[in-house]
Amino acid sequence: MDHKEFFLRHWEKEVPATRKVIGRIPEHRWDYRADPKARSARELAWLIVLEESALVEGLEKGSFEWVDKPGPSSVGEIVAQYDHHGCGASRLSVGRRSFRFSTTGRR
C-alpha cells in the first residue's frame, strides 16, 4: 500500500467518527472552553470542517488556500456542513488518480 492509499483508507474510517463527535456536542454547552484562552467546542467543531474542506479542495486543485468563514449558528448546521465538505474523502476515493500525493511535499 502506498502513502496515498494509506491516507485515504484511514481518512475514510475517521469521517464517521468525527461526524459523530461533532454531532454529540450539546447545544446548551457548545460555548464550553477548557480554558479561558481556548477555543469553544463550537469553534473547534467548525475549525475541523474548514480544515477538512480546505484539504479536499487543495488536493483536488493542487494548491491550498485558507478561507476563514463564520461558523453556523447550531450544531446541526455544522454537522450538515461537515457532511457536505468533510465527506470529501469519498470524493477523493472515487477519483483516486485525480490528485497527486507526494511523500516529499513537493510536486
PDB file of N, CA and C in Angstrom:
ATOM      1  N   MET A   1       0.846  -1.169   0.000  1.00  0.00           N
ATOM      2  CA  MET A   1       0.000   0.000   0.000  1.00  0.00           C
ATOM      3  C   MET A   1       0.900   1.243   0.000  1.00  0.00           C
ATOM      4  N   ASP A   2       0.610   2.187  -0.892  1.00  0.00           N
ATOM      5  CA  ASP A   2       1.405   3.413  -0.938  1.00  0.00           C
ATOM      6  C   ASP A   2       0.850   4.450   0.052  1.00  0.00           C
ATOM      7  N   HIS A   3       1.511   5.585   0.152  1.00  0.00           N
ATOM      8  CA  HIS A   3       1.115   6.619   1.107  1.00  0.00           C
ATOM      9  C   HIS A   3      -0.291   7.149   0.832  1.00  0.00           C
ATOM     10  N   LYS A   4      -0.615   7.303  -0.437  1.00  0.00           N
ATOM     11  CA  LYS A   4      -1.928   7.828  -0.809  1.00  0.00           C
ATOM     12  C   LYS A   4      -3.031   6.871  -0.370  1.00  0.00           C
ATOM     13  N   GLU A   5      -2.867   5.592  -0.647  1.00  0.00           N
ATOM     14  CA  GLU A   5      -3.858   4.591  -0.243  1.00  0.00           C
ATOM     15  C   GLU A   5      -3.985   4.531   1.276  1.00  0.00           C
ATOM     16  N   PHE A   6      -2.859   4.613   1.974  1.00  0.00           N
ATOM     17  CA  PHE A   6      -2.860   4.600   3.432  1.00  0.00           C
ATOM     18  C   PHE A   6      -3.654   5.794   3.965  1.00  0.00           C
ATOM     19  N   PHE A   7      -3.364   6.978   3.432  1.00  0.00           N
ATOM     20  CA  PHE A   7      -4.068   8.194   3.841  1.00  0.00           C
ATOM     21  C   PHE A   7      -5.570   8.061   3.612  1.00  0.00           C
ATOM     22  N   LEU A   8      -5.975   7.679   2.416  1.00  0.00           N
ATOM     23  CA  LEU A   8      -7.394   7.584   2.084  1.00  0.00           C
ATOM     24  C   LEU A   8      -8.112   6.535   2.931  1.00  0.00           C
ATOM     25  N   ARG A   9      -7.476   5.407   3.136  1.00  0.00           N
ATOM     26  CA  ARG A   9      -8.092   4.336   3.931  1.00  0.00           C
ATOM     27  C   ARG A   9      -8.372   4.823   5.361  1.00  0.00           C
ATOM     28  N   HIS A  10      -7.401   5.484   5.942  1.00  0.00           N
ATOM     29  CA  HIS A  10      -7.578   5.946   7.324  1.00  0.00           C
ATOM     30  C   HIS A  10      -8.537   7.128   7.411  1.00  0.00           C
ATOM     31  N   TRP A  11      -8.506   8.009   6.429  1.00  0.00           N
ATOM     32  CA  TRP A  11      -9.424   9.150   6.459  1.00  0.00           C
ATOM     33  C   TRP A  11     -10.865   8.675   6.310  1.00  0.00           C
ATOM     34  N   GLU A  12     -11.086   7.708   5.443  1.00  0.00           N
ATOM     35  CA  GLU A  12     -12.436   7.169   5.255  1.00  0.00           C
ATOM     36  C   GLU A  12     -12.986   6.582   6.554  1.00  0.00           C
ATOM     37  N   LYS A  13     -12.121   6.017   7.384  1.00  0.00           N
ATOM     38  CA  LYS A  13     -12.553   5.485   8.686  1.00  0.00           C
ATOM     39  C   LYS A  13     -12.838   6.605   9.682  1.00  0.00           C
ATOM     40  N   GLU A  14     -12.105   7.695   9.579  1.00  0.00           N
ATOM     41  CA  GLU A  14     -12.233   8.786  10.545  1.00  0.00           C
ATOM     42  C   GLU A  14     -13.433   9.687  10.298  1.00  0.00           C
ATOM     43  N   VAL A  15     -13.896   9.793   9.072  1.00  0.00           N
ATOM     44  CA  VAL A  15     -15.021  10.685   8.769  1.00  0.00           C
ATOM     45  C   VAL A  15     -16.251  10.356   9.619  1.00  0.00           C
ATOM     46  N   PRO A  16     -16.720   9.102   9.698  1.00  0.00           N
ATOM     47  CA  PRO A  16     -17.896   8.820  10.531  1.00  0.00           C
ATOM     48  C   PRO A  16     -17.659   9.102  12.014  1.00  0.00           C
ATOM     49  N   ALA A  17     -16.462   8.820  12.501  1.00  0.00           N
ATOM     50  CA  ALA A  17     -16.156   9.067  13.913  1.00  0.00           C
ATOM     51  C   ALA A  17     -16.156  10.566  14.206  1.00  0.00           C
ATOM     52  N   THR A  18     -15.561  11.349  13.326  1.00  0.00           N
ATOM     53  CA  THR A  18     -15.517  12.798  13.515  1.00  0.00           C
ATOM     54  C   THR A  18     -16.917  13.387  13.460  1.00  0.00           C
ATOM     55  N   ARG A  19     -17.726  12.908  12.518  1.00  0.00           N
ATOM     56  CA  ARG A  19     -19.111  13.389  12.401  1.00  0.00           C
ATOM     57  C   ARG A  19     -19.880  13.097  13.676  1.00  0.00           C
ATOM     58  N   LYS A  20     -19.683  11.917  14.229  1.00  0.00           N
ATOM     59  CA  LYS A  20     -20.374  11.526  15.454  1.00  0.00           C
ATOM     60  C   LYS A  20     -19.975  12.439  16.616  1.00  0.00           C
ATOM     61  N   VAL A  21     -18.691  12.725  16.740  1.00  0.00           N
ATOM     62  CA  VAL A  21     -18.214  13.588  17.821  1.00  0.00           C
ATOM     63  C   VAL A  21     -18.801  14.993  17.681  1.00  0.00           C
ATOM     64  N   ILE A  22     -18.749  15.553  16.483  1.00  0.00           N
ATOM     65  CA  ILE A  22     -19.306  16.891  16.267  1.00  0.00           C
ATOM     66  C   ILE A  22     -20.803  16.905  16.586  1.00  0.00           C
ATOM     67  N   GLY A  23     -21.517  15.893  16.129  1.00  0.00           N
ATOM     68  CA  GLY A  23     -22.960  15.829  16.333  1.00  0.00           C
ATOM     69  C   GLY A  23     -23.376  15.647  17.785  1.00  0.00           C
ATOM     70  N   ARG A  24     -22.465  15.209  18.622  1.00  0.00           N
ATOM     71  CA  ARG A  24     -22.798  14.978  20.034  1.00  0.00           C
ATOM     72  C   ARG A  24     -22.471  16.167  20.933  1.00  0.00           C
ATOM     73  N   ILE A  25     -22.063  17.266  20.365  1.00  0.00           N
ATOM     74  CA  ILE A  25     -21.833  18.460  21.175  1.00  0.00           C
ATOM     75  C   ILE A  25     -23.206  18.979  21.608  1.00  0.00           C
ATOM     76  N   PRO A  26     -23.469  19.051  22.912  1.00  0.00           N
ATOM     77  CA  PRO A  26     -24.772  19.550  23.364  1.00  0.00           C
ATOM     78  C   PRO A  26     -24.928  21.043  23.031  1.00  0.00           C
ATOM     79  N   GLU A  27     -26.055  21.410  22.456  1.00  0.00           N
ATOM     80  CA  GLU A  27     -26.292  22.805  22.074  1.00  0.00           C
ATOM     81  C   GLU A  27     -26.125  23.743  23.275  1.00  0.00           C
ATOM     82  N   HIS A  28     -26.566  23.296  24.431  1.00  0.00           N
ATOM     83  CA  HIS A  28     -26.507  24.171  25.608  1.00  0.00           C
ATOM     84  C   HIS A  28     -25.096  24.292  26.198  1.00  0.00           C
ATOM     85  N   ARG A  29     -24.142  23.504  25.680  1.00  0.00           N
ATOM     86  CA  ARG A  29     -22.764  23.565  26.192  1.00  0.00           C
ATOM     87  C   ARG A  29     -21.745  23.820  25.088  1.00  0.00           C
ATOM     88  N   TRP A  30     -22.171  24.204  23.924  1.00  0.00           N
ATOM     89  CA  TRP A  30     -21.229  24.299  22.819  1.00  0.00           C
ATOM     90  C   TRP A  30     -20.321  25.516  22.900  1.00  0.00           C
ATOM     91  N   ASP A  31     -20.563  26.401  23.865  1.00  0.00           N
ATOM     92  CA  ASP A  31     -19.629  27.501  24.099  1.00  0.00           C
ATOM     93  C   ASP A  31     -18.648  27.179  25.225  1.00  0.00           C
ATOM     94  N   TYR A  32     -18.631  25.914  25.646  1.00  0.00           N
ATOM     95  CA  TYR A  32     -17.704  25.459  26.692  1.00  0.00           C
ATOM     96  C   TYR A  32     -16.261  25.648  26.216  1.00  0.00           C
ATOM     97  N   ARG A  33     -15.418  26.133  27.118  1.00  0.00           N
ATOM     98  CA  ARG A  33     -13.987  26.292  26.860  1.00  0.00           C
ATOM     99  C   ARG A  33     -13.229  25.592  27.984  1.00  0.00           C
ATOM    100  N   ALA A  34     -12.287  24.765  27.645  1.00  0.00           N
ATOM    101  CA  ALA A  34     -11.485  24.077  28.654  1.00  0.00           C
ATOM    102  C   ALA A  34     -10.613  25.068  29.419  1.00  0.00           C
ATOM    103  N   ASP A  35     -10.324  26.192  28.807  1.00  0.00           N
ATOM    104  CA  ASP A  35      -9.517  27.244  29.400  1.00  0.00           C
ATOM    105  C   ASP A  35     -10.042  28.570  28.839  1.00  0.00           C
ATOM    106  N   PRO A  36      -9.990  29.637  29.594  1.00  0.00           N
ATOM    107  CA  PRO A  36     -10.496  30.916  29.073  1.00  0.00           C
ATOM    108  C   PRO A  36      -9.853  31.350  27.757  1.00  0.00           C
ATOM    109  N   LYS A  37      -8.623  30.921  27.496  1.00  0.00           N
ATOM    110  CA  LYS A  37      -7.942  31.292  26.256  1.00  0.00           C
ATOM    111  C   LYS A  37      -8.194  30.294  25.117  1.00  0.00           C
ATOM    112  N   ALA A  38      -8.843  29.178  25.428  1.00  0.00           N
ATOM    113  CA  ALA A  38      -9.070  28.122  24.432  1.00  0.00           C
ATOM    114  C   ALA A  38     -10.263  28.455  23.540  1.00  0.00           C
ATOM    115  N   ARG A  39     -10.326  27.796  22.411  1.00  0.00           N
ATOM    116  CA  ARG A  39     -11.499  27.916  21.534  1.00  0.00           C
ATOM    117  C   ARG A  39     -12.656  27.153  22.168  1.00  0.00           C
ATOM    118  N   SER A  40     -13.858  27.579  21.843  1.00  0.00           N
ATOM    119  CA  SER A  40     -15.050  26.885  22.350  1.00  0.00           C
ATOM    120  C   SER A  40     -15.247  25.581  21.579  1.00  0.00           C
ATOM    121  N   ALA A  41     -16.102  24.730  22.090  1.00  0.00           N
ATOM    122  CA  ALA A  41     -16.414  23.466  21.405  1.00  0.00           C
ATOM    123  C   ALA A  41     -16.965  23.754  20.006  1.00  0.00           C
ATOM    124  N   ARG A  42     -17.821  24.765  19.898  1.00  0.00           N
ATOM    125  CA  ARG A  42     -18.382  25.140  18.592  1.00  0.00           C
ATOM    126  C   ARG A  42     -17.275  25.593  17.645  1.00  0.00           C
ATOM    127  N   GLU A  43     -16.361  26.432  18.135  1.00  0.00           N
ATOM    128  CA  GLU A  43     -15.267  26.916  17.296  1.00  0.00           C
ATOM    129  C   GLU A  43     -14.362  25.780  16.842  1.00  0.00           C
ATOM    130  N   LEU A  44     -14.090  24.827  17.724  1.00  0.00           N
ATOM    131  CA  LEU A  44     -13.258  23.675  17.348  1.00  0.00           C
ATOM    132  C   LEU A  44     -13.947  22.804  16.300  1.00  0.00           C
ATOM    133  N   ALA A  45     -15.255  22.575  16.498  1.00  0.00           N
ATOM    134  CA  ALA A  45     -16.002  21.770  15.525  1.00  0.00           C
ATOM    135  C   ALA A  45     -15.984  22.444  14.153  1.00  0.00           C
ATOM    136  N   TRP A  46     -16.208  23.755  14.127  1.00  0.00           N
ATOM    137  CA  TRP A  46     -16.224  24.481  12.856  1.00  0.00           C
ATOM    138  C   TRP A  46     -14.836  24.482  12.220  1.00  0.00           C
ATOM    139  N   LEU A  47     -13.788  24.594  13.030  1.00  0.00           N
ATOM    140  CA  LEU A  47     -12.425  24.560  12.512  1.00  0.00           C
ATOM    141  C   LEU A  47     -12.140  23.222  11.821  1.00  0.00           C
ATOM    142  N   ILE A  48     -12.621  22.136  12.393  1.00  0.00           N
ATOM    143  CA  ILE A  48     -12.443  20.816  11.775  1.00  0.00           C
ATOM    144  C   ILE A  48     -13.090  20.795  10.392  1.00  0.00           C
ATOM    145  N   VAL A  49     -14.302  21.341  10.287  1.00  0.00           N
ATOM    146  CA  VAL A  49     -14.995  21.382   8.991  1.00  0.00           C
ATOM    147  C   VAL A  49     -14.193  22.208   7.992  1.00  0.00           C
ATOM    148  N   LEU A  50     -13.751  23.385   8.402  1.00  0.00           N
ATOM    149  CA  LEU A  50     -12.988  24.250   7.492  1.00  0.00           C
ATOM    150  C   LEU A  50     -11.678  23.596   7.055  1.00  0.00           C
ATOM    151  N   GLU A  51     -10.981  22.944   7.999  1.00  0.00           N
ATOM    152  CA  GLU A  51      -9.696  22.320   7.661  1.00  0.00           C
ATOM    153  C   GLU A  51      -9.877  21.166   6.679  1.00  0.00           C
ATOM    154  N   GLU A  52     -10.861  20.313   6.930  1.00  0.00           N
ATOM    155  CA  GLU A  52     -11.061  19.179   6.023  1.00  0.00           C
ATOM    156  C   GLU A  52     -11.526  19.651   4.651  1.00  0.00           C
ATOM    157  N   SER A  53     -12.358  20.677   4.635  1.00  0.00           N
ATOM    158  CA  SER A  53     -12.799  21.242   3.362  1.00  0.00           C
ATOM    159  C   SER A  53     -11.611  21.796   2.582  1.00  0.00           C
ATOM    160  N   ALA A  54     -10.744  22.546   3.268  1.00  0.00           N
ATOM    161  CA  ALA A  54      -9.557  23.113   2.615  1.00  0.00           C
ATOM    162  C   ALA A  54      -8.628  22.008   2.116  1.00  0.00           C
ATOM    163  N   LEU A  55      -8.508  20.934   2.882  1.00  0.00           N
ATOM    164  CA  LEU A  55      -7.653  19.821   2.481  1.00  0.00           C
ATOM    165  C   LEU A  55      -8.167  19.158   1.202  1.00  0.00           C
ATOM    166  N   VAL A  56      -9.461  18.869   1.172  1.00  0.00           N
ATOM    167  CA  VAL A  56     -10.043  18.228  -0.021  1.00  0.00           C
ATOM    168  C   VAL A  56      -9.889  19.133  -1.237  1.00  0.00           C
ATOM    169  N   GLU A  57     -10.245  20.403  -1.082  1.00  0.00           N
ATOM    170  CA  GLU A  57     -10.135  21.329  -2.211  1.00  0.00           C
ATOM    171  C   GLU A  57      -8.679  21.491  -2.651  1.00  0.00           C
ATOM    172  N   GLY A  58      -7.770  21.529  -1.687  1.00  0.00           N
ATOM    173  CA  GLY A  58      -6.353  21.661  -2.018  1.00  0.00           C
ATOM    174  C   GLY A  58      -5.817  20.465  -2.774  1.00  0.00           C
ATOM    175  N   LEU A  59      -6.232  19.272  -2.353  1.00  0.00           N
ATOM    176  CA  LEU A  59      -5.780  18.062  -3.054  1.00  0.00           C
ATOM    177  C   LEU A  59      -6.347  17.999  -4.467  1.00  0.00           C
ATOM    178  N   GLU A  60      -7.575  18.467  -4.630  1.00  0.00           N
ATOM    179  CA  GLU A  60      -8.184  18.454  -5.962  1.00  0.00           C
ATOM    180  C   GLU A  60      -7.558  19.503  -6.884  1.00  0.00           C
ATOM    181  N   LYS A  61      -7.289  20.688  -6.343  1.00  0.00           N
ATOM    182  CA  LYS A  61      -6.760  21.789  -7.155  1.00  0.00           C
ATOM    183  C   LYS A  61      -5.245  21.747  -7.303  1.00  0.00           C
ATOM    184  N   GLY A  62      -4.575  21.136  -6.332  1.00  0.00           N
ATOM    185  CA  GLY A  62      -3.119  21.114  -6.367  1.00  0.00           C
ATOM    186  C   GLY A  62      -2.489  22.301  -5.662  1.00  0.00           C
ATOM    187  N   SER A  63      -3.322  23.144  -5.032  1.00  0.00           N
ATOM    188  CA  SER A  63      -2.815  24.259  -4.236  1.00  0.00           C
ATOM    189  C   SER A  63      -3.788  24.501  -3.084  1.00  0.00           C
ATOM    190  N   PHE A  64      -3.254  24.998  -1.992  1.00  0.00           N
ATOM    191  CA  PHE A  64      -4.063  25.173  -0.788  1.00  0.00           C
ATOM    192  C   PHE A  64      -4.283  26.646  -0.501  1.00  0.00           C
ATOM    193  N   GLU A  65      -5.520  26.959  -0.132  1.00  0.00           N
ATOM    194  CA  GLU A  65      -5.883  28.328   0.206  1.00  0.00           C
ATOM    195  C   GLU A  65      -6.787  28.284   1.427  1.00  0.00           C
ATOM    196  N   TRP A  66      -6.472  29.083   2.443  1.00  0.00           N
ATOM    197  CA  TRP A  66      -7.294  29.111   3.652  1.00  0.00           C
ATOM    198  C   TRP A  66      -8.284  30.265   3.554  1.00  0.00           C
ATOM    199  N   VAL A  67      -9.558  29.939   3.728  1.00  0.00           N
ATOM    200  CA  VAL A  67     -10.607  30.943   3.759  1.00  0.00           C
ATOM    201  C   VAL A  67     -11.337  30.771   5.079  1.00  0.00           C
ATOM    202  N   ASP A  68     -11.217  31.765   5.952  1.00  0.00           N
ATOM    203  CA  ASP A  68     -11.877  31.712   7.252  1.00  0.00           C
ATOM    204  C   ASP A  68     -13.313  32.189   7.088  1.00  0.00           C
ATOM    205  N   LYS A  69     -14.254  31.320   7.381  1.00  0.00           N
ATOM    206  CA  LYS A  69     -15.678  31.646   7.227  1.00  0.00           C
ATOM    207  C   LYS A  69     -16.334  31.638   8.599  1.00  0.00           C
ATOM    208  N   PRO A  70     -17.320  32.516   8.804  1.00  0.00           N
ATOM    209  CA  PRO A  70     -18.027  32.494  10.090  1.00  0.00           C
ATOM    210  C   PRO A  70     -18.774  31.178  10.261  1.00  0.00           C
ATOM    211  N   GLY A  71     -18.806  30.691  11.495  1.00  0.00           N
ATOM    212  CA  GLY A  71     -19.454  29.408  11.777  1.00  0.00           C
ATOM    213  C   GLY A  71     -20.967  29.489  11.803  1.00  0.00           C
ATOM    214  N   PRO A  72     -21.615  28.363  11.537  1.00  0.00           N
ATOM    215  CA  PRO A  72     -23.067  28.291  11.615  1.00  0.00           C
ATOM    216  C   PRO A  72     -23.567  28.515  13.045  1.00  0.00           C
ATOM    217  N   SER A  73     -24.866  28.689  13.179  1.00  0.00           N
ATOM    218  CA  SER A  73     -25.445  29.026  14.482  1.00  0.00           C
ATOM    219  C   SER A  73     -25.946  27.830  15.273  1.00  0.00           C
ATOM    220  N   SER A  74     -25.770  26.621  14.753  1.00  0.00           N
ATOM    221  CA  SER A  74     -26.200  25.438  15.515  1.00  0.00           C
ATOM    222  C   SER A  74     -25.309  24.238  15.202  1.00  0.00           C
ATOM    223  N   VAL A  75     -25.331  23.276  16.108  1.00  0.00           N
ATOM    224  CA  VAL A  75     -24.563  22.043  15.900  1.00  0.00           C
ATOM    225  C   VAL A  75     -25.075  21.317  14.657  1.00  0.00           C
ATOM    226  N   GLY A  76     -26.384  21.297  14.482  1.00  0.00           N
ATOM    227  CA  GLY A  76     -26.968  20.642  13.302  1.00  0.00           C
ATOM    228  C   GLY A  76     -26.446  21.214  11.997  1.00  0.00           C
ATOM    229  N   GLU A  77     -26.282  22.537  11.968  1.00  0.00           N
ATOM    230  CA  GLU A  77     -25.765  23.179  10.763  1.00  0.00           C
ATOM    231  C   GLU A  77     -24.288  22.828  10.539  1.00  0.00           C
ATOM    232  N   ILE A  78     -23.527  22.722  11.628  1.00  0.00           N
ATOM    233  CA  ILE A  78     -22.115  22.336  11.497  1.00  0.00           C
ATOM    234  C   ILE A  78     -22.019  20.914  10.969  1.00  0.00           C
ATOM    235  N   VAL A  79     -22.865  20.012  11.481  1.00  0.00           N
ATOM    236  CA  VAL A  79     -22.874  18.626  11.001  1.00  0.00           C
ATOM    237  C   VAL A  79     -23.260  18.595   9.523  1.00  0.00           C
ATOM    238  N   ALA A  80     -24.241  19.399   9.137  1.00  0.00           N
ATOM    239  CA  ALA A  80     -24.651  19.441   7.721  1.00  0.00           C
ATOM    240  C   ALA A  80     -23.501  19.917   6.839  1.00  0.00           C
ATOM    241  N   GLN A  81     -22.754  20.922   7.299  1.00  0.00           N
ATOM    242  CA  GLN A  81     -21.600  21.392   6.539  1.00  0.00           C
ATOM    243  C   GLN A  81     -20.504  20.326   6.490  1.00  0.00           C
ATOM    244  N   TYR A  82     -20.343  19.592   7.580  1.00  0.00           N
ATOM    245  CA  TYR A  82     -19.352  18.509   7.589  1.00  0.00           C
ATOM    246  C   TYR A  82     -19.749  17.430   6.580  1.00  0.00           C
ATOM    247  N   ASP A  83     -21.029  17.117   6.550  1.00  0.00           N
ATOM    248  CA  ASP A  83     -21.496  16.129   5.572  1.00  0.00           C
ATOM    249  C   ASP A  83     -21.208  16.607   4.160  1.00  0.00           C
ATOM    250  N   HIS A  84     -21.372  17.894   3.935  1.00  0.00           N
ATOM    251  CA  HIS A  84     -21.147  18.459   2.596  1.00  0.00           C
ATOM    252  C   HIS A  84     -19.657  18.523   2.254  1.00  0.00           C
ATOM    253  N   HIS A  85     -18.836  18.935   3.218  1.00  0.00           N
ATOM    254  CA  HIS A  85     -17.408  19.130   2.960  1.00  0.00           C
ATOM    255  C   HIS A  85     -16.527  18.011   3.490  1.00  0.00           C
ATOM    256  N   GLY A  86     -16.759  17.575   4.713  1.00  0.00           N
ATOM    257  CA  GLY A  86     -15.898  16.597   5.370  1.00  0.00           C
ATOM    258  C   GLY A  86     -15.870  15.248   4.689  1.00  0.00           C
ATOM    259  N   CYS A  87     -16.961  14.908   4.057  1.00  0.00           N
ATOM    260  CA  CYS A  87     -17.012  13.620   3.373  1.00  0.00           C
ATOM    261  C   CYS A  87     -16.340  13.697   2.021  1.00  0.00           C
ATOM    262  N   GLY A  88     -15.565  14.734   1.813  1.00  0.00           N
ATOM    263  CA  GLY A  88     -14.800  14.855   0.578  1.00  0.00           C
ATOM    264  C   GLY A  88     -13.829  13.710   0.399  1.00  0.00           C
ATOM    265  N   ALA A  89     -13.538  13.004   1.482  1.00  0.00           N
ATOM    266  CA  ALA A  89     -12.666  11.835   1.383  1.00  0.00           C
ATOM    267  C   ALA A  89     -13.277  10.844   0.404  1.00  0.00           C
ATOM    268  N   SER A  90     -14.586  10.727   0.428  1.00  0.00           N
ATOM    269  CA  SER A  90     -15.257   9.831  -0.519  1.00  0.00           C
ATOM    270  C   SER A  90     -15.050  10.330  -1.938  1.00  0.00           C
ATOM    271  N   ARG A  91     -15.111  11.653  -2.108  1.00  0.00           N
ATOM    272  CA  ARG A  91     -14.900  12.239  -3.426  1.00  0.00           C
ATOM    273  C   ARG A  91     -13.492  11.943  -3.910  1.00  0.00           C
ATOM    274  N   LEU A  92     -12.524  12.061  -3.017  1.00  0.00           N
ATOM    275  CA  LEU A  92     -11.137  11.765  -3.385  1.00  0.00           C
ATOM    276  C   LEU A  92     -10.947  10.284  -3.656  1.00  0.00           C
ATOM    277  N   SER A  93     -11.652   9.444  -2.911  1.00  0.00           N
ATOM    278  CA  SER A  93     -11.509   7.998  -3.074  1.00  0.00           C
ATOM    279  C   SER A  93     -12.030   7.542  -4.423  1.00  0.00           C
ATOM    280  N   VAL A  94     -13.114   8.169  -4.879  1.00  0.00           N
ATOM    281  CA  VAL A  94     -13.685   7.786  -6.168  1.00  0.00           C
ATOM    282  C   VAL A  94     -12.700   8.110  -7.282  1.00  0.00           C
ATOM    283  N   GLY A  95     -12.086   9.281  -7.207  1.00  0.00           N
ATOM    284  CA  GLY A  95     -11.118   9.685  -8.221  1.00  0.00           C
ATOM    285  C   GLY A  95      -9.707   9.543  -7.696  1.00  0.00           C
ATOM    286  N   ARG A  96      -9.337   8.365  -7.266  1.00  0.00           N
ATOM    287  CA  ARG A  96      -8.045   8.170  -6.601  1.00  0.00           C
ATOM    288  C   ARG A  96      -6.868   8.682  -7.421  1.00  0.00           C
ATOM    289  N   ARG A  97      -7.016   8.789  -8.699  1.00  0.00           N
ATOM    290  CA  ARG A  97      -5.906   9.297  -9.512  1.00  0.00           C
ATOM    291  C   ARG A  97      -6.044  10.789  -9.780  1.00  0.00           C
ATOM    292  N   SER A  98      -7.098  11.436  -9.193  1.00  0.00           N
ATOM    293  CA  SER A  98      -7.355  12.838  -9.512  1.00  0.00           C
ATOM    294  C   SER A  98      -6.475  13.814  -8.742  1.00  0.00           C
ATOM    295  N   PHE A  99      -5.686  13.351  -7.794  1.00  0.00           N
ATOM    296  CA  PHE A  99      -4.783  14.264  -7.101  1.00  0.00           C
ATOM    297  C   PHE A  99      -3.432  13.605  -6.906  1.00  0.00           C
ATOM    298  N   ARG A 100      -2.424  14.452  -6.765  1.00  0.00           N
ATOM    299  CA  ARG A 100      -1.064  13.974  -6.570  1.00  0.00           C
ATOM    300  C   ARG A 100      -0.778  13.852  -5.093  1.00  0.00           C
ATOM    301  N   PHE A 101      -0.046  12.849  -4.728  1.00  0.00           N
ATOM    302  CA  PHE A 101       0.327  12.660  -3.334  1.00  0.00           C
ATOM    303  C   PHE A 101       1.801  12.331  -3.298  1.00  0.00           C
ATOM    304  N   SER A 102       2.556  13.236  -2.721  1.00  0.00           N
ATOM    305  CA  SER A 102       3.996  13.088  -2.700  1.00  0.00           C
ATOM    306  C   SER A 102       4.491  12.926  -1.269  1.00  0.00           C
ATOM    307  N   THR A 103       5.435  12.076  -1.044  1.00  0.00           N
ATOM    308  CA  THR A 103       5.995  11.898   0.301  1.00  0.00           C
ATOM    309  C   THR A 103       6.975  13.016   0.632  1.00  0.00           C
ATOM    310  N   THR A 104       7.395  13.768  -0.361  1.00  0.00           N
ATOM    311  CA  THR A 104       8.355  14.851  -0.115  1.00  0.00           C
ATOM    312  C   THR A 104       7.662  16.188   0.099  1.00  0.00           C
ATOM    313  N   GLY A 105       6.369  16.266  -0.180  1.00  0.00           N
ATOM    314  CA  GLY A 105       5.657  17.518  -0.034  1.00  0.00           C
ATOM    315  C   GLY A 105       5.817  18.428  -1.226  1.00  0.00           C
ATOM    316  N   ARG A 106       6.493  17.944  -2.260  1.00  0.00           N
ATOM    317  CA  ARG A 106       6.676  18.735  -3.475  1.00  0.00           C
ATOM    318  C   ARG A 106       6.042  18.004  -4.643  1.00  0.00           C
ATOM    319  N   ARG A 107       5.695  18.765  -5.644  1.00  0.00           N
ATOM    320  CA  ARG A 107       5.064  18.158  -6.821  1.00  0.00           C
ATOM    321  C   ARG A 107       6.067  17.607  -7.764  1.00  0.00           C
TER     322      ARG A 107
END
